[in-house]
């Protein structure tokens, strides 16, 4: 991601505090194994700008972003890299998942320094007009000794309860044991290994690993232990600010999860970290309709 965009995201999305926070009396959620992170928008911050300008980073590999015209990449992304129909009614367009997924991509790059292994646009299926099922982001932080896999989930809804339930339920079932299972992680790595030619950073250790297993059987848990991989599962919730204090908008999420969900033990077989990223915003609908307007107008990118 280009530095000008990272700087812009950091100016718009501001870190407030982590949970647990004794100063305001809010614990972390009962599902979190790691401290939760709470963000706010800067006074003049425009989240629609973050979504619009980060779309090409969500949809395309960095090497293509570095050499091709950004406006062309943006237009093409909405043609064949993202679930979007210009002819669909606005009620349908407002339900698309790309708004939240682009924000997850943006915050992982800008706030956590986690780069994409493969862009989500690469996995889009234009003939079926749907995203590939699975995690909402495939990012990574590498060191000389370890690889932290940032495979996350995001929900961007009008209410905090709707965002929570959408992130944590599959039908009526609690979905964390499913999406954080050995079998699910294995299938996700099969998906990524099938896209070796589209990997984002060709010189990284994760790319070398994926090329190694592209044409041979592998057990991801055994390989993860061998390569010192850890799974980090951020759950990013963007939801309507209810005009109470910022603290109350955070507290209601923690309280709702404690009331409606129970702690559970997940035995993945490798180190696992789960935490929530919370961002209450005012006028969810206006943010999304602004992005839609700019898409129709083909507003020039300036970052």
C-alpha atoms as a PDB file:
ATOM      1  CA  UNK A   1       0.000   0.000   0.000  1.00  0.00           C
ATOM      2  CA  UNK A   2       1.343   3.428  -0.949  1.00  0.00           C
ATOM      3  CA  UNK A   3       2.521   5.601   1.940  1.00  0.00           C
ATOM      4  CA  UNK A   4       0.236   8.524   1.071  1.00  0.00           C
ATOM      5  CA  UNK A   5      -2.801   6.292   1.564  1.00  0.00           C
ATOM      6  CA  UNK A   6      -1.445   4.786   4.789  1.00  0.00           C
ATOM      7  CA  UNK A   7      -0.911   8.302   6.157  1.00  0.00           C
ATOM      8  CA  UNK A   8      -4.448   9.291   5.147  1.00  0.00           C
ATOM      9  CA  UNK A   9      -5.996   6.228   6.811  1.00  0.00           C
ATOM     10  CA  UNK A  10      -4.048   6.952   9.992  1.00  0.00           C
ATOM     11  CA  UNK A  11      -5.327  10.539   9.952  1.00  0.00           C
ATOM     12  CA  UNK A  12      -8.956   9.456   9.534  1.00  0.00           C
ATOM     13  CA  UNK A  13      -9.134   6.394  11.820  1.00  0.00           C
ATOM     14  CA  UNK A  14      -7.833   7.198  15.293  1.00  0.00           C
ATOM     15  CA  UNK A  15      -6.925   4.694  18.004  1.00  0.00           C
ATOM     16  CA  UNK A  16      -8.767   5.464  21.268  1.00  0.00           C
ATOM     17  CA  UNK A  17      -7.873   2.663  23.665  1.00  0.00           C
ATOM     18  CA  UNK A  18      -7.639  -1.064  24.125  1.00  0.00           C
ATOM     19  CA  UNK A  19      -9.767  -3.385  26.226  1.00  0.00           C
ATOM     20  CA  UNK A  20      -9.713  -4.190  29.042  1.00  0.00           C
ATOM     21  CA  UNK A  21      -9.660  -0.525  30.057  1.00  0.00           C
ATOM     22  CA  UNK A  22      -9.902   0.041  33.806  1.00  0.00           C
ATOM     23  CA  UNK A  23     -10.132   3.828  33.386  1.00  0.00           C
ATOM     24  CA  UNK A  24     -13.563   3.540  31.740  1.00  0.00           C
ATOM     25  CA  UNK A  25     -14.524   0.232  33.356  1.00  0.00           C
ATOM     26  CA  UNK A  26     -14.860  -1.845  30.189  1.00  0.00           C
ATOM     27  CA  UNK A  27     -13.423  -5.384  29.994  1.00  0.00           C
ATOM     28  CA  UNK A  28     -12.410  -7.095  26.784  1.00  0.00           C
ATOM     29  CA  UNK A  29     -15.027  -9.376  25.242  1.00  0.00           C
ATOM     30  CA  UNK A  30     -15.454 -12.859  26.681  1.00  0.00           C
ATOM     31  CA  UNK A  31     -14.414 -14.302  23.300  1.00  0.00           C
ATOM     32  CA  UNK A  32     -11.137 -12.384  23.016  1.00  0.00           C
ATOM     33  CA  UNK A  33      -7.805 -14.029  23.787  1.00  0.00           C
ATOM     34  CA  UNK A  34      -6.002 -10.759  23.036  1.00  0.00           C
ATOM     35  CA  UNK A  35      -6.777  -7.161  23.986  1.00  0.00           C
ATOM     36  CA  UNK A  36      -9.533  -5.606  21.880  1.00  0.00           C
ATOM     37  CA  UNK A  37      -8.789  -2.379  19.979  1.00  0.00           C
ATOM     38  CA  UNK A  38     -11.188   0.561  19.857  1.00  0.00           C
ATOM     39  CA  UNK A  39     -11.027   3.239  17.164  1.00  0.00           C
ATOM     40  CA  UNK A  40     -12.837   6.458  16.379  1.00  0.00           C
ATOM     41  CA  UNK A  41     -13.076   8.769  13.392  1.00  0.00           C
ATOM     42  CA  UNK A  42     -11.220  12.069  13.376  1.00  0.00           C
ATOM     43  CA  UNK A  43     -13.538  15.099  13.446  1.00  0.00           C
ATOM     44  CA  UNK A  44     -13.101  15.770   9.771  1.00  0.00           C
ATOM     45  CA  UNK A  45     -12.474  12.141   8.889  1.00  0.00           C
ATOM     46  CA  UNK A  46     -14.302  10.783   5.864  1.00  0.00           C
ATOM     47  CA  UNK A  47     -14.581   7.004   5.956  1.00  0.00           C
ATOM     48  CA  UNK A  48     -16.027   7.000   2.443  1.00  0.00           C
ATOM     49  CA  UNK A  49     -12.708   8.397   1.190  1.00  0.00           C
ATOM     50  CA  UNK A  50     -10.835   5.573   2.912  1.00  0.00           C
ATOM     51  CA  UNK A  51     -13.069   2.972   1.255  1.00  0.00           C
ATOM     52  CA  UNK A  52     -12.951   4.545  -2.189  1.00  0.00           C
ATOM     53  CA  UNK A  53      -9.192   5.061  -2.257  1.00  0.00           C
ATOM     54  CA  UNK A  54      -8.326   1.677  -0.699  1.00  0.00           C
ATOM     55  CA  UNK A  55     -10.398  -0.350  -3.141  1.00  0.00           C
ATOM     56  CA  UNK A  56      -7.567  -1.010  -5.571  1.00  0.00           C
ATOM     57  CA  UNK A  57      -5.381  -2.302  -2.723  1.00  0.00           C
ATOM     58  CA  UNK A  58      -8.171  -4.711  -1.810  1.00  0.00           C
ATOM     59  CA  UNK A  59      -8.745  -5.810  -5.397  1.00  0.00           C
ATOM     60  CA  UNK A  60      -5.296  -5.926  -7.003  1.00  0.00           C
ATOM     61  CA  UNK A  61      -1.784  -7.193  -6.362  1.00  0.00           C
ATOM     62  CA  UNK A  62       0.796  -4.574  -5.402  1.00  0.00           C
ATOM     63  CA  UNK A  63       2.930  -5.189  -8.485  1.00  0.00           C
ATOM     64  CA  UNK A  64      -0.005  -4.223 -10.714  1.00  0.00           C
ATOM     65  CA  UNK A  65      -0.811  -1.170  -8.584  1.00  0.00           C
ATOM     66  CA  UNK A  66       2.801  -0.050  -8.974  1.00  0.00           C
ATOM     67  CA  UNK A  67       2.805  -0.113 -12.777  1.00  0.00           C
ATOM     68  CA  UNK A  68      -0.776   0.491 -13.966  1.00  0.00           C
ATOM     69  CA  UNK A  69      -3.036   3.521 -14.004  1.00  0.00           C
ATOM     70  CA  UNK A  70      -4.918   3.643 -10.712  1.00  0.00           C
ATOM     71  CA  UNK A  71      -8.140   4.978 -12.203  1.00  0.00           C
ATOM     72  CA  UNK A  72      -8.207   2.131 -14.734  1.00  0.00           C
ATOM     73  CA  UNK A  73      -7.590  -0.383 -11.947  1.00  0.00           C
ATOM     74  CA  UNK A  74     -10.465   1.049  -9.924  1.00  0.00           C
ATOM     75  CA  UNK A  75     -12.912   0.917 -12.828  1.00  0.00           C
ATOM     76  CA  UNK A  76     -11.831  -2.604 -13.726  1.00  0.00           C
ATOM     77  CA  UNK A  77     -12.093  -3.714 -10.083  1.00  0.00           C
ATOM     78  CA  UNK A  78     -15.817  -2.964 -10.053  1.00  0.00           C
ATOM     79  CA  UNK A  79     -16.210  -4.746 -13.395  1.00  0.00           C
ATOM     80  CA  UNK A  80     -14.590  -8.060 -12.460  1.00  0.00           C
ATOM     81  CA  UNK A  81     -12.805  -8.045  -9.075  1.00  0.00           C
ATOM     82  CA  UNK A  82     -15.610  -7.055  -6.679  1.00  0.00           C
ATOM     83  CA  UNK A  83     -19.244  -8.054  -6.348  1.00  0.00           C
ATOM     84  CA  UNK A  84     -20.931  -4.968  -7.752  1.00  0.00           C
ATOM     85  CA  UNK A  85     -23.624  -4.302 -10.329  1.00  0.00           C
ATOM     86  CA  UNK A  86     -24.149  -0.772 -11.564  1.00  0.00           C
ATOM     87  CA  UNK A  87     -27.674  -1.676 -12.680  1.00  0.00           C
ATOM     88  CA  UNK A  88     -28.754  -3.142  -9.330  1.00  0.00           C
ATOM     89  CA  UNK A  89     -31.129  -1.084  -7.162  1.00  0.00           C
ATOM     90  CA  UNK A  90     -29.459   0.956  -4.454  1.00  0.00           C
ATOM     91  CA  UNK A  91     -31.047  -1.213  -1.762  1.00  0.00           C
ATOM     92  CA  UNK A  92     -29.069  -4.138  -3.176  1.00  0.00           C
ATOM     93  CA  UNK A  93     -25.879  -2.120  -3.659  1.00  0.00           C
ATOM     94  CA  UNK A  94     -25.935  -1.048  -0.003  1.00  0.00           C
ATOM     95  CA  UNK A  95     -25.831  -4.708   1.066  1.00  0.00           C
ATOM     96  CA  UNK A  96     -22.625  -5.547  -0.786  1.00  0.00           C
ATOM     97  CA  UNK A  97     -19.762  -6.739   1.390  1.00  0.00           C
ATOM     98  CA  UNK A  98     -16.932  -4.811  -0.217  1.00  0.00           C
ATOM     99  CA  UNK A  99     -17.363  -1.693   1.972  1.00  0.00           C
ATOM    100  CA  UNK A 100     -16.338  -3.572   5.106  1.00  0.00           C
ATOM    101  CA  UNK A 101     -13.806  -5.840   3.432  1.00  0.00           C
ATOM    102  CA  UNK A 102     -11.986  -2.863   1.928  1.00  0.00           C
ATOM    103  CA  UNK A 103     -11.879  -1.232   5.380  1.00  0.00           C
ATOM    104  CA  UNK A 104     -10.462  -4.418   6.911  1.00  0.00           C
ATOM    105  CA  UNK A 105      -7.759  -4.484   4.249  1.00  0.00           C
ATOM    106  CA  UNK A 106      -7.015  -0.794   4.885  1.00  0.00           C
ATOM    107  CA  UNK A 107      -6.778  -1.040   8.669  1.00  0.00           C
ATOM    108  CA  UNK A 108      -4.630  -4.172   8.574  1.00  0.00           C
ATOM    109  CA  UNK A 109      -2.148  -2.399   6.316  1.00  0.00           C
ATOM    110  CA  UNK A 110      -2.163   0.981   8.055  1.00  0.00           C
ATOM    111  CA  UNK A 111      -2.603   0.151  11.749  1.00  0.00           C
ATOM    112  CA  UNK A 112      -0.979  -3.262  12.039  1.00  0.00           C
ATOM    113  CA  UNK A 113       1.547  -3.422   9.208  1.00  0.00           C
ATOM    114  CA  UNK A 114       0.005  -6.647   7.891  1.00  0.00           C
ATOM    115  CA  UNK A 115       0.432  -7.052   4.132  1.00  0.00           C
ATOM    116  CA  UNK A 116      -1.877  -9.071   1.908  1.00  0.00           C
ATOM    117  CA  UNK A 117      -0.705 -12.524   0.882  1.00  0.00           C
ATOM    118  CA  UNK A 118      -3.266 -12.530  -1.900  1.00  0.00           C
ATOM    119  CA  UNK A 119      -5.746  -9.803  -2.786  1.00  0.00           C
ATOM    120  CA  UNK A 120      -9.416 -10.609  -2.297  1.00  0.00           C
ATOM    121  CA  UNK A 121     -10.117  -9.423  -5.840  1.00  0.00           C
ATOM    122  CA  UNK A 122      -7.988 -12.286  -7.145  1.00  0.00           C
ATOM    123  CA  UNK A 123     -10.408 -14.742  -5.526  1.00  0.00           C
ATOM    124  CA  UNK A 124     -13.575 -13.144  -6.906  1.00  0.00           C
ATOM    125  CA  UNK A 125     -15.628 -15.334  -9.287  1.00  0.00           C
ATOM    126  CA  UNK A 126     -17.042 -13.002 -11.975  1.00  0.00           C
ATOM    127  CA  UNK A 127     -18.932 -15.760 -13.812  1.00  0.00           C
ATOM    128  CA  UNK A 128     -20.866 -16.575 -10.623  1.00  0.00           C
ATOM    129  CA  UNK A 129     -20.884 -12.929  -9.522  1.00  0.00           C
ATOM    130  CA  UNK A 130     -19.834 -13.827  -5.983  1.00  0.00           C
ATOM    131  CA  UNK A 131     -16.887 -13.668  -3.653  1.00  0.00           C
ATOM    132  CA  UNK A 132     -14.974 -16.819  -2.852  1.00  0.00           C
ATOM    133  CA  UNK A 133     -16.248 -18.146   0.512  1.00  0.00           C
ATOM    134  CA  UNK A 134     -13.771 -17.915   3.367  1.00  0.00           C
ATOM    135  CA  UNK A 135     -11.985 -15.324   5.437  1.00  0.00           C
ATOM    136  CA  UNK A 136     -12.425 -11.639   4.629  1.00  0.00           C
ATOM    137  CA  UNK A 137      -8.671 -10.983   4.548  1.00  0.00           C
ATOM    138  CA  UNK A 138      -5.494 -12.975   4.000  1.00  0.00           C
ATOM    139  CA  UNK A 139      -2.726 -10.842   5.448  1.00  0.00           C
ATOM    140  CA  UNK A 140       0.577 -11.585   7.154  1.00  0.00           C
ATOM    141  CA  UNK A 141       3.277 -10.129   9.377  1.00  0.00           C
ATOM    142  CA  UNK A 142       6.608 -11.882   8.875  1.00  0.00           C
ATOM    143  CA  UNK A 143       9.757 -11.831  10.970  1.00  0.00           C
ATOM    144  CA  UNK A 144      12.940 -13.833  10.575  1.00  0.00           C
ATOM    145  CA  UNK A 145      11.565 -16.425  13.011  1.00  0.00           C
ATOM    146  CA  UNK A 146       7.789 -16.439  12.601  1.00  0.00           C
ATOM    147  CA  UNK A 147       4.799 -15.833  10.366  1.00  0.00           C
ATOM    148  CA  UNK A 148       1.645 -14.322  11.874  1.00  0.00           C
ATOM    149  CA  UNK A 149      -1.323 -15.059   9.606  1.00  0.00           C
ATOM    150  CA  UNK A 150      -3.908 -12.271   9.882  1.00  0.00           C
ATOM    151  CA  UNK A 151      -7.022 -13.989   8.514  1.00  0.00           C
ATOM    152  CA  UNK A 152      -9.958 -11.865   9.627  1.00  0.00           C
ATOM    153  CA  UNK A 153     -13.671 -11.164   9.560  1.00  0.00           C
ATOM    154  CA  UNK A 154     -15.484  -7.846   9.103  1.00  0.00           C
ATOM    155  CA  UNK A 155     -19.077  -6.661   9.366  1.00  0.00           C
ATOM    156  CA  UNK A 156     -20.344  -3.166   8.527  1.00  0.00           C
ATOM    157  CA  UNK A 157     -23.965  -2.760   9.670  1.00  0.00           C
ATOM    158  CA  UNK A 158     -26.497  -0.234  10.904  1.00  0.00           C
ATOM    159  CA  UNK A 159     -26.621  -1.728  14.407  1.00  0.00           C
ATOM    160  CA  UNK A 160     -23.989  -3.217  16.674  1.00  0.00           C
ATOM    161  CA  UNK A 161     -26.133  -6.305  17.397  1.00  0.00           C
ATOM    162  CA  UNK A 162     -26.575  -6.984  13.683  1.00  0.00           C
ATOM    163  CA  UNK A 163     -22.822  -6.675  13.138  1.00  0.00           C
ATOM    164  CA  UNK A 164     -22.030  -8.978  16.063  1.00  0.00           C
ATOM    165  CA  UNK A 165     -24.507 -11.693  15.095  1.00  0.00           C
ATOM    166  CA  UNK A 166     -23.461 -11.590  11.461  1.00  0.00           C
ATOM    167  CA  UNK A 167     -19.812 -12.034  12.487  1.00  0.00           C
ATOM    168  CA  UNK A 168     -20.410 -14.780  15.023  1.00  0.00           C
ATOM    169  CA  UNK A 169     -23.306 -16.837  13.652  1.00  0.00           C
ATOM    170  CA  UNK A 170     -23.820 -19.075  10.635  1.00  0.00           C
ATOM    171  CA  UNK A 171     -27.567 -19.498  10.600  1.00  0.00           C
ATOM    172  CA  UNK A 172     -28.327 -20.302  14.231  1.00  0.00           C
ATOM    173  CA  UNK A 173     -24.917 -21.836  14.921  1.00  0.00           C
ATOM    174  CA  UNK A 174     -21.962 -20.197  16.641  1.00  0.00           C
ATOM    175  CA  UNK A 175     -19.397 -20.138  13.854  1.00  0.00           C
ATOM    176  CA  UNK A 176     -16.017 -19.539  15.546  1.00  0.00           C
ATOM    177  CA  UNK A 177     -15.385 -23.280  16.127  1.00  0.00           C
ATOM    178  CA  UNK A 178     -15.978 -23.822  12.393  1.00  0.00           C
ATOM    179  CA  UNK A 179     -13.898 -20.996  10.916  1.00  0.00           C
ATOM    180  CA  UNK A 180     -11.091 -21.598  13.425  1.00  0.00           C
ATOM    181  CA  UNK A 181     -10.911 -25.355  12.841  1.00  0.00           C
ATOM    182  CA  UNK A 182      -8.061 -27.335  11.300  1.00  0.00           C
ATOM    183  CA  UNK A 183     -10.285 -28.374   8.411  1.00  0.00           C
ATOM    184  CA  UNK A 184     -11.334 -24.825   7.591  1.00  0.00           C
ATOM    185  CA  UNK A 185      -7.782 -23.487   7.732  1.00  0.00           C
ATOM    186  CA  UNK A 186      -6.641 -26.348   5.505  1.00  0.00           C
ATOM    187  CA  UNK A 187      -9.276 -25.513   2.875  1.00  0.00           C
ATOM    188  CA  UNK A 188      -8.324 -21.838   3.006  1.00  0.00           C
ATOM    189  CA  UNK A 189      -4.695 -22.701   2.292  1.00  0.00           C
ATOM    190  CA  UNK A 190      -5.781 -24.884  -0.618  1.00  0.00           C
ATOM    191  CA  UNK A 191      -7.560 -21.830  -2.028  1.00  0.00           C
ATOM    192  CA  UNK A 192      -4.475 -19.644  -1.632  1.00  0.00           C
ATOM    193  CA  UNK A 193      -2.098 -22.311  -2.974  1.00  0.00           C
ATOM    194  CA  UNK A 194      -4.249 -22.473  -6.109  1.00  0.00           C
ATOM    195  CA  UNK A 195      -3.431 -18.783  -6.703  1.00  0.00           C
ATOM    196  CA  UNK A 196       0.358 -18.994  -6.411  1.00  0.00           C
ATOM    197  CA  UNK A 197       0.806 -17.031  -9.638  1.00  0.00           C
ATOM    198  CA  UNK A 198      -1.162 -14.133  -8.091  1.00  0.00           C
ATOM    199  CA  UNK A 199       0.611 -13.820  -4.746  1.00  0.00           C
ATOM    200  CA  UNK A 200       1.189 -10.299  -3.539  1.00  0.00           C
ATOM    201  CA  UNK A 201       4.841 -10.328  -2.440  1.00  0.00           C
ATOM    202  CA  UNK A 202       6.889 -12.792  -4.436  1.00  0.00           C
ATOM    203  CA  UNK A 203       9.986 -12.652  -2.217  1.00  0.00           C
ATOM    204  CA  UNK A 204       8.303 -13.385   1.143  1.00  0.00           C
ATOM    205  CA  UNK A 205       8.700 -16.591   3.146  1.00  0.00           C
ATOM    206  CA  UNK A 206       4.982 -17.333   2.947  1.00  0.00           C
ATOM    207  CA  UNK A 207       5.182 -17.207  -0.848  1.00  0.00           C
ATOM    208  CA  UNK A 208       8.131 -19.602  -0.817  1.00  0.00           C
ATOM    209  CA  UNK A 209       6.092 -21.939   1.392  1.00  0.00           C
ATOM    210  CA  UNK A 210       3.038 -21.752  -0.882  1.00  0.00           C
ATOM    211  CA  UNK A 211       5.141 -22.478  -3.968  1.00  0.00           C
ATOM    212  CA  UNK A 212       6.624 -25.457  -2.131  1.00  0.00           C
ATOM    213  CA  UNK A 213       3.203 -26.979  -1.361  1.00  0.00           C
ATOM    214  CA  UNK A 214       1.467 -25.965  -4.592  1.00  0.00           C
ATOM    215  CA  UNK A 215       1.914 -29.373  -6.210  1.00  0.00           C
ATOM    216  CA  UNK A 216       2.246 -31.715  -3.210  1.00  0.00           C
ATOM    217  CA  UNK A 217       0.005 -32.898  -0.380  1.00  0.00           C
ATOM    218  CA  UNK A 218       0.423 -31.010   2.885  1.00  0.00           C
ATOM    219  CA  UNK A 219      -1.067 -30.785   6.354  1.00  0.00           C
ATOM    220  CA  UNK A 220      -1.335 -27.104   7.241  1.00  0.00           C
ATOM    221  CA  UNK A 221      -1.093 -27.645  11.002  1.00  0.00           C
ATOM    222  CA  UNK A 222       2.122 -29.652  10.652  1.00  0.00           C
ATOM    223  CA  UNK A 223       3.526 -27.112   8.203  1.00  0.00           C
ATOM    224  CA  UNK A 224       2.450 -24.214  10.443  1.00  0.00           C
ATOM    225  CA  UNK A 225       4.362 -25.698  13.357  1.00  0.00           C
ATOM    226  CA  UNK A 226       7.406 -26.258  11.169  1.00  0.00           C
ATOM    227  CA  UNK A 227       7.340 -22.664   9.884  1.00  0.00           C
ATOM    228  CA  UNK A 228       6.374 -21.095  13.264  1.00  0.00           C
ATOM    229  CA  UNK A 229       3.022 -19.831  11.968  1.00  0.00           C
ATOM    230  CA  UNK A 230       0.453 -18.267  14.279  1.00  0.00           C
ATOM    231  CA  UNK A 231      -3.160 -17.469  13.370  1.00  0.00           C
ATOM    232  CA  UNK A 232      -4.423 -13.996  14.300  1.00  0.00           C
ATOM    233  CA  UNK A 233      -8.185 -13.629  13.873  1.00  0.00           C
ATOM    234  CA  UNK A 234      -9.346 -10.006  14.137  1.00  0.00           C
ATOM    235  CA  UNK A 235     -13.107  -9.435  14.075  1.00  0.00           C
ATOM    236  CA  UNK A 236     -13.688  -5.897  12.792  1.00  0.00           C
ATOM    237  CA  UNK A 237     -17.097  -4.399  13.588  1.00  0.00           C
ATOM    238  CA  UNK A 238     -18.160  -1.078  12.056  1.00  0.00           C
ATOM    239  CA  UNK A 239     -21.576  -0.015  13.295  1.00  0.00           C
ATOM    240  CA  UNK A 240     -23.885   2.942  13.800  1.00  0.00           C
ATOM    241  CA  UNK A 241     -22.983   5.294  16.677  1.00  0.00           C
ATOM    242  CA  UNK A 242     -26.148   5.656  18.789  1.00  0.00           C
ATOM    243  CA  UNK A 243     -25.444   9.263  19.918  1.00  0.00           C
ATOM    244  CA  UNK A 244     -24.560   8.182  23.448  1.00  0.00           C
ATOM    245  CA  UNK A 245     -20.989   8.633  24.628  1.00  0.00           C
ATOM    246  CA  UNK A 246     -18.166   6.893  22.783  1.00  0.00           C
ATOM    247  CA  UNK A 247     -17.529   4.676  25.818  1.00  0.00           C
ATOM    248  CA  UNK A 248     -21.146   3.540  25.872  1.00  0.00           C
ATOM    249  CA  UNK A 249     -20.955   2.653  22.192  1.00  0.00           C
ATOM    250  CA  UNK A 250     -18.022   0.384  22.998  1.00  0.00           C
ATOM    251  CA  UNK A 251     -19.508  -1.010  26.220  1.00  0.00           C
ATOM    252  CA  UNK A 252     -22.728  -2.117  24.522  1.00  0.00           C
ATOM    253  CA  UNK A 253     -20.771  -4.422  22.209  1.00  0.00           C
ATOM    254  CA  UNK A 254     -18.911  -6.057  25.090  1.00  0.00           C
ATOM    255  CA  UNK A 255     -22.136  -6.419  27.102  1.00  0.00           C
ATOM    256  CA  UNK A 256     -24.109  -7.857  24.180  1.00  0.00           C
ATOM    257  CA  UNK A 257     -21.488 -10.530  23.494  1.00  0.00           C
ATOM    258  CA  UNK A 258     -21.366 -11.446  27.197  1.00  0.00           C
ATOM    259  CA  UNK A 259     -25.163 -11.758  27.310  1.00  0.00           C
ATOM    260  CA  UNK A 260     -25.741 -13.662  24.073  1.00  0.00           C
ATOM    261  CA  UNK A 261     -22.608 -15.797  23.691  1.00  0.00           C
ATOM    262  CA  UNK A 262     -20.501 -18.117  25.822  1.00  0.00           C
ATOM    263  CA  UNK A 263     -16.784 -18.670  26.036  1.00  0.00           C
ATOM    264  CA  UNK A 264     -15.570 -21.645  24.068  1.00  0.00           C
ATOM    265  CA  UNK A 265     -12.363 -23.624  23.805  1.00  0.00           C
ATOM    266  CA  UNK A 266     -10.893 -23.831  20.321  1.00  0.00           C
ATOM    267  CA  UNK A 267      -8.184 -26.432  19.749  1.00  0.00           C
ATOM    268  CA  UNK A 268      -6.657 -25.418  16.460  1.00  0.00           C
ATOM    269  CA  UNK A 269      -3.300 -27.052  17.055  1.00  0.00           C
ATOM    270  CA  UNK A 270      -1.264 -23.879  16.572  1.00  0.00           C
ATOM    271  CA  UNK A 271      -1.097 -20.598  18.469  1.00  0.00           C
ATOM    272  CA  UNK A 272      -4.305 -18.609  17.995  1.00  0.00           C
ATOM    273  CA  UNK A 273      -5.150 -15.012  18.866  1.00  0.00           C
ATOM    274  CA  UNK A 274      -8.716 -13.659  18.691  1.00  0.00           C
ATOM    275  CA  UNK A 275      -9.612 -10.013  19.231  1.00  0.00           C
ATOM    276  CA  UNK A 276     -12.186  -7.425  18.204  1.00  0.00           C
ATOM    277  CA  UNK A 277     -11.583  -4.151  16.397  1.00  0.00           C
ATOM    278  CA  UNK A 278     -14.444  -1.744  17.119  1.00  0.00           C
ATOM    279  CA  UNK A 279     -15.319   1.370  15.129  1.00  0.00           C
ATOM    280  CA  UNK A 280     -18.642   3.122  15.859  1.00  0.00           C
ATOM    281  CA  UNK A 281     -19.505   5.645  13.137  1.00  0.00           C
ATOM    282  CA  UNK A 282     -22.294   8.108  12.463  1.00  0.00           C
ATOM    283  CA  UNK A 283     -24.602   7.567   9.476  1.00  0.00           C
ATOM    284  CA  UNK A 284     -23.572   4.188   8.062  1.00  0.00           C
ATOM    285  CA  UNK A 285     -25.966   4.638   5.146  1.00  0.00           C
ATOM    286  CA  UNK A 286     -24.484   7.999   4.183  1.00  0.00           C
ATOM    287  CA  UNK A 287     -20.962   6.549   4.103  1.00  0.00           C
ATOM    288  CA  UNK A 288     -22.048   3.792   1.726  1.00  0.00           C
ATOM    289  CA  UNK A 289     -24.197   6.011  -0.502  1.00  0.00           C
ATOM    290  CA  UNK A 290     -21.296   8.457  -0.836  1.00  0.00           C
ATOM    291  CA  UNK A 291     -19.061   5.638  -2.062  1.00  0.00           C
ATOM    292  CA  UNK A 292     -21.761   4.591  -4.524  1.00  0.00           C
ATOM    293  CA  UNK A 293     -22.075   8.129  -5.839  1.00  0.00           C
ATOM    294  CA  UNK A 294     -18.329   8.350  -6.424  1.00  0.00           C
ATOM    295  CA  UNK A 295     -18.324   5.001  -8.217  1.00  0.00           C
ATOM    296  CA  UNK A 296     -21.052   6.237 -10.580  1.00  0.00           C
ATOM    297  CA  UNK A 297     -19.277   9.552 -11.130  1.00  0.00           C
ATOM    298  CA  UNK A 298     -15.873   7.834 -11.536  1.00  0.00           C
ATOM    299  CA  UNK A 299     -14.442  10.344  -9.099  1.00  0.00           C
ATOM    300  CA  UNK A 300     -10.684  10.774  -9.714  1.00  0.00           C
ATOM    301  CA  UNK A 301      -8.375   9.146  -7.180  1.00  0.00           C
ATOM    302  CA  UNK A 302      -6.097  11.630  -5.443  1.00  0.00           C
ATOM    303  CA  UNK A 303      -4.120   9.371  -3.065  1.00  0.00           C
END
